[in-house]
Amino acid sequence: MGGHPPQPRQHRPPRRPPPRPGLQHQGPPGAPMTTDPEQQRLALEKKRERYVWYYLGYFLFGIHVVAFVMIYAVMHAK
């Protein structure tokens, strides 16, 4: 019952760790590594096209859910 109090927690230092050898860090994470405007435009266009497909997929899935709920309601109406 009369044990020692727990040791205080040790926190990480507030700075980021140094980069590992062999890696080139040129900017913040997630930033494109190229500086060519054409490459950046193509990367942005590809990203936007992927989002359009995601939205289309979610929309079609939602339409089917609504259709199944309506079919269920009609089949079970008195």
Protein backbone atom coordinates (compact mmCIF):
# COMPACT_ATOMS: atom_id res chain seq x y z
CA MET A 1 0.00 0.00 0.00
CA GLY A 2 2.75 2.49 0.76
CA GLY A 3 4.65 2.10 -2.53
CA HIS A 4 6.62 4.75 -4.30
CA PRO A 5 4.77 7.31 -6.45
CA PRO A 6 4.92 6.74 -10.23
CA GLN A 7 7.67 8.40 -12.19
CA PRO A 8 6.64 11.57 -14.06
CA ARG A 9 5.85 11.14 -17.76
CA GLN A 10 8.56 12.09 -20.17
CA HIS A 11 7.42 14.04 -23.22
CA ARG A 12 8.99 14.19 -26.63
CA PRO A 13 11.08 17.21 -27.46
CA PRO A 14 9.11 19.95 -29.26
CA ARG A 15 11.26 19.81 -32.41
CA ARG A 16 11.05 17.34 -35.28
CA PRO A 17 13.59 14.52 -35.54
CA PRO A 18 16.41 15.02 -38.05
CA PRO A 19 15.86 13.49 -41.51
CA ARG A 20 17.16 9.98 -42.04
CA PRO A 21 20.21 9.51 -44.23
CA GLY A 22 19.47 9.04 -47.91
CA LEU A 23 16.17 10.95 -47.97
CA GLN A 24 15.78 14.38 -49.51
CA HIS A 25 13.37 16.59 -47.58
CA GLN A 26 12.61 19.72 -49.54
CA GLY A 27 9.33 20.95 -48.10
CA PRO A 28 6.40 20.28 -45.84
CA PRO A 29 4.81 16.83 -45.93
CA GLY A 30 2.28 16.39 -48.71
CA ALA A 31 3.77 19.13 -50.87
CA PRO A 32 4.58 18.20 -54.47
CA MET A 33 8.30 17.65 -55.01
CA THR A 34 8.31 19.13 -58.53
CA THR A 35 8.50 22.82 -59.29
CA ASP A 36 7.43 22.55 -62.93
CA PRO A 37 4.04 24.31 -63.28
CA GLU A 38 2.89 21.79 -65.90
CA GLN A 39 3.62 18.85 -63.58
CA GLN A 40 1.79 20.59 -60.73
CA ARG A 41 -1.21 21.26 -62.96
CA LEU A 42 -1.33 17.63 -64.08
CA ALA A 43 -1.09 16.39 -60.49
CA LEU A 44 -3.92 18.71 -59.41
CA GLU A 45 -6.06 17.64 -62.38
CA LYS A 46 -5.51 13.97 -61.51
CA LYS A 47 -6.48 14.62 -57.90
CA ARG A 48 -9.65 16.47 -58.90
CA GLU A 49 -10.61 13.72 -61.36
CA ARG A 50 -10.26 11.14 -58.58
CA TYR A 51 -12.56 13.21 -56.36
CA VAL A 52 -15.15 13.41 -59.16
CA TRP A 53 -15.19 9.59 -59.38
CA TYR A 54 -15.56 9.34 -55.59
CA TYR A 55 -18.52 11.74 -55.61
CA LEU A 56 -20.14 9.87 -58.51
CA GLY A 57 -19.73 6.56 -56.69
CA TYR A 58 -21.24 7.92 -53.47
CA PHE A 59 -24.12 9.47 -55.40
CA LEU A 60 -24.95 6.24 -57.23
CA PHE A 61 -24.71 4.26 -53.99
CA GLY A 62 -27.09 6.71 -52.30
CA ILE A 63 -29.57 6.51 -55.16
CA HIS A 64 -29.65 2.73 -54.83
CA VAL A 65 -30.19 2.90 -51.06
CA VAL A 66 -33.13 5.29 -51.56
CA ALA A 67 -34.57 3.05 -54.28
CA PHE A 68 -34.36 -0.06 -52.06
CA VAL A 69 -36.04 1.78 -49.18
CA MET A 70 -38.84 2.94 -51.50
CA ILE A 71 -39.31 -0.58 -52.90
CA TYR A 72 -39.46 -1.96 -49.36
CA ALA A 73 -42.04 0.68 -48.39
CA VAL A 74 -44.24 -0.05 -51.40
CA MET A 75 -44.04 -3.83 -50.94
CA HIS A 76 -44.98 -3.60 -47.25
CA ALA A 77 -47.74 -0.96 -47.53
CA LYS A 78 -51.23 -2.00 -46.50
